[in-house]
Amino acid sequence: FGVFSSVTTRRILPTVMILGGWSGAIDFYNSVEQLYGLPEIELPLTPFELTAPILGLLLVFRSDRSFDRFSLGSEYSWEITNLF
């Protein structure tokens, strides 16, 4: 199958597998922490709250630039087809 044998899939598969395994381990830990009296794992929200506006602006500007490129390419393709 094309998706499973592509270069991109082979390149990112180890990273995806590691992240999936790590997520599964954290989920397993959270399911047994109360049974054995283990400490609870928590992440502070401050880093996420501080970086969210910056990431939002980055996505907006990236989307805006891609739309500008698409619009310019569309104009050029109309000019080419109008010549014929």
Protein backbone atom coordinates (compact mmCIF):
# COMPACT_ATOMS: atom_id res chain seq x y z
CA PHE A 1 0.00 0.00 0.00
CA GLY A 2 1.29 3.45 -0.88
CA VAL A 3 0.70 5.10 2.49
CA PHE A 4 2.54 2.46 4.53
CA SER A 5 5.54 2.23 2.20
CA SER A 6 6.07 5.94 1.63
CA VAL A 7 9.26 7.69 2.64
CA THR A 8 7.45 10.07 4.98
CA THR A 9 5.75 7.23 6.84
CA ARG A 10 9.02 5.37 7.28
CA ARG A 11 10.68 8.55 8.52
CA ILE A 12 8.08 9.47 11.17
CA LEU A 13 7.01 5.95 12.22
CA PRO A 14 9.66 5.55 14.97
CA THR A 15 8.72 8.89 16.53
CA VAL A 16 5.00 8.09 16.38
CA MET A 17 5.61 4.68 17.95
CA ILE A 18 7.68 6.19 20.78
CA LEU A 19 5.05 8.85 21.50
CA GLY A 20 2.29 6.22 21.38
CA GLY A 21 4.19 3.99 23.80
CA TRP A 22 4.89 6.91 26.14
CA SER A 23 1.22 7.93 26.09
CA GLY A 24 0.17 4.36 26.81
CA ALA A 25 2.59 4.17 29.75
CA ILE A 26 1.26 7.43 31.21
CA ASP A 27 -2.32 6.21 30.79
CA PHE A 28 -1.46 2.92 32.50
CA TYR A 29 0.25 4.79 35.35
CA ASN A 30 -2.80 7.03 35.81
CA SER A 31 -5.09 4.00 35.93
CA VAL A 32 -3.10 2.25 38.69
CA GLU A 33 -1.88 5.23 40.75
CA GLN A 34 -4.82 5.19 43.15
CA LEU A 35 -4.62 1.43 43.66
CA TYR A 36 -1.00 1.52 44.83
CA GLY A 37 -0.88 5.02 46.35
CA LEU A 38 1.51 6.42 43.76
CA PRO A 39 1.91 10.19 43.37
CA GLU A 40 -0.29 11.89 40.81
CA ILE A 41 1.31 13.23 37.61
CA GLU A 42 0.30 16.79 36.73
CA LEU A 43 1.50 19.31 34.18
CA PRO A 44 1.41 23.03 34.97
CA LEU A 45 -0.90 24.98 32.67
CA THR A 46 1.22 28.15 32.56
CA PRO A 47 3.52 27.10 29.66
CA PHE A 48 0.51 26.16 27.54
CA GLU A 49 -1.30 29.40 28.37
CA LEU A 50 1.76 31.49 27.50
CA THR A 51 2.55 29.78 24.19
CA ALA A 52 -1.01 29.45 22.86
CA PRO A 53 -1.34 33.05 21.56
CA ILE A 54 2.05 32.86 19.85
CA LEU A 55 1.18 29.58 18.14
CA GLY A 56 -2.19 31.01 17.11
CA LEU A 57 -0.54 34.01 15.46
CA LEU A 58 1.96 31.74 13.74
CA LEU A 59 -0.83 29.62 12.28
CA VAL A 60 -2.79 32.68 11.15
CA PHE A 61 0.17 34.22 9.35
CA ARG A 62 1.16 30.91 7.81
CA SER A 63 -2.39 30.34 6.54
CA ASP A 64 -2.55 33.92 5.24
CA ARG A 65 0.69 33.52 3.29
CA SER A 66 -0.42 30.20 1.83
CA PHE A 67 -3.71 31.75 0.72
CA ASP A 68 -1.79 34.61 -0.91
CA ARG A 69 0.35 32.10 -2.82
CA PHE A 70 -2.74 30.16 -3.86
CA SER A 71 -4.45 33.35 -5.04
CA LEU A 72 -1.39 34.43 -7.02
CA GLY A 73 -1.08 30.99 -8.60
CA SER A 74 -4.76 31.03 -9.48
CA GLU A 75 -4.40 34.42 -11.17
CA TYR A 76 -1.43 33.18 -13.21
CA SER A 77 -3.28 30.03 -14.26
CA TRP A 78 -6.25 32.14 -15.44
CA GLU A 79 -3.86 34.35 -17.43
CA ILE A 80 -2.34 31.28 -19.08
CA THR A 81 -5.72 29.77 -19.97
CA ASN A 82 -6.98 33.10 -21.32
CA LEU A 83 -4.09 33.16 -23.80
CA PHE A 84 -5.48 30.05 -25.51
